[in-house]
Amino acid sequence: MLLFEGRNGDGRIARAVFSLEGGGPYALDIPASPVFLVSVPVEDTVPTEPVSIEDITFYDSQGREITEEFDLSGGAIQ
């Protein structure tokens, strides 16, 4: 199980997509709430190590990529 915690204060982020070495891509639906905690099941054969926030692509509710609109420095999912 992979957990992703974050802030979505203005509710713009609807989905986060990323890949892990040996698995994925994985998509997480992000709730439109100020703080969230979501999870996704991961295959047992995939190493569950931290994922750099720079390797995650964010989308809005219309499916448009909005990654470049955010300062993602210093974050990770784990």
Protein backbone atom coordinates (compact mmCIF):
# COMPACT_ATOMS: atom_id res chain seq x y z
CA MET A 1 0.00 0.00 0.00
CA LEU A 2 1.33 3.42 -0.92
CA LEU A 3 0.10 6.50 0.97
CA PHE A 4 0.02 10.05 -0.35
CA GLU A 5 -0.68 12.92 2.02
CA GLY A 6 -0.86 16.54 1.01
CA ARG A 7 -2.71 19.82 0.77
CA ASN A 8 -5.19 20.77 -1.90
CA GLY A 9 -6.33 24.08 -0.48
CA ASP A 10 -7.94 25.43 -3.62
CA GLY A 11 -9.15 22.01 -4.83
CA ARG A 12 -7.42 22.28 -8.22
CA ILE A 13 -5.71 18.88 -8.05
CA ALA A 14 -8.07 16.04 -8.98
CA ARG A 15 -5.59 13.27 -9.81
CA ALA A 16 -1.93 12.39 -9.27
CA VAL A 17 -0.18 9.87 -11.54
CA PHE A 18 3.26 8.31 -11.06
CA SER A 19 5.23 5.12 -11.70
CA LEU A 20 7.42 3.01 -9.45
CA GLU A 21 10.35 0.97 -10.69
CA GLY A 22 8.81 -2.31 -11.82
CA GLY A 23 5.19 -1.18 -11.57
CA GLY A 24 2.59 1.35 -12.50
CA PRO A 25 1.52 3.75 -13.63
CA TYR A 26 -0.53 4.41 -10.53
CA ALA A 27 -3.31 7.00 -10.35
CA LEU A 28 -4.61 8.53 -7.15
CA ASP A 29 -7.87 10.48 -7.06
CA ILE A 30 -7.27 13.53 -4.88
CA PRO A 31 -10.21 14.91 -2.86
CA ALA A 32 -11.01 18.61 -3.09
CA SER A 33 -10.23 19.23 0.58
CA PRO A 34 -7.58 21.36 2.29
CA VAL A 35 -5.70 18.29 3.63
CA PHE A 36 -5.95 14.75 2.30
CA LEU A 37 -4.59 11.22 2.78
CA VAL A 38 -5.17 8.73 -0.04
CA SER A 39 -3.76 5.30 -0.83
CA VAL A 40 -3.24 2.93 -3.73
CA PRO A 41 -2.44 -0.80 -3.64
CA VAL A 42 1.00 -1.72 -4.98
CA GLU A 43 2.11 -5.13 -6.26
CA ASP A 44 4.22 -7.11 -3.76
CA THR A 45 7.09 -7.30 -6.25
CA VAL A 46 7.44 -3.51 -6.50
CA PRO A 47 9.84 -1.85 -4.05
CA THR A 48 7.92 0.68 -1.94
CA GLU A 49 10.45 3.42 -1.48
CA PRO A 50 9.85 7.18 -1.47
CA VAL A 51 8.85 8.73 -4.79
CA SER A 52 10.17 12.17 -5.64
CA ILE A 53 7.40 14.73 -5.95
CA GLU A 54 9.02 15.83 -9.23
CA ASP A 55 8.11 12.41 -10.69
CA ILE A 56 4.37 12.92 -10.10
CA THR A 57 2.06 14.42 -12.71
CA PHE A 58 -0.97 16.35 -11.44
CA TYR A 59 -4.26 16.80 -13.31
CA ASP A 60 -7.33 18.96 -12.75
CA SER A 61 -10.93 17.73 -12.88
CA GLN A 62 -11.05 18.24 -16.68
CA GLY A 63 -8.00 16.00 -17.16
CA ARG A 64 -5.62 18.86 -17.98
CA GLU A 65 -2.06 18.54 -16.71
CA ILE A 66 -1.41 21.23 -14.09
CA THR A 67 1.93 20.05 -12.65
CA GLU A 68 3.83 23.16 -13.75
CA GLU A 69 1.45 25.41 -11.79
CA PHE A 70 2.84 24.22 -8.43
CA ASP A 71 6.10 24.69 -6.54
CA LEU A 72 6.94 21.08 -5.78
CA SER A 73 10.30 21.65 -4.11
CA GLY A 74 11.03 19.56 -1.05
CA GLY A 75 8.22 17.02 -1.24
CA ALA A 76 7.95 13.26 -1.63
CA ILE A 77 5.34 10.56 -1.39
CA GLN A 78 6.01 7.42 0.56
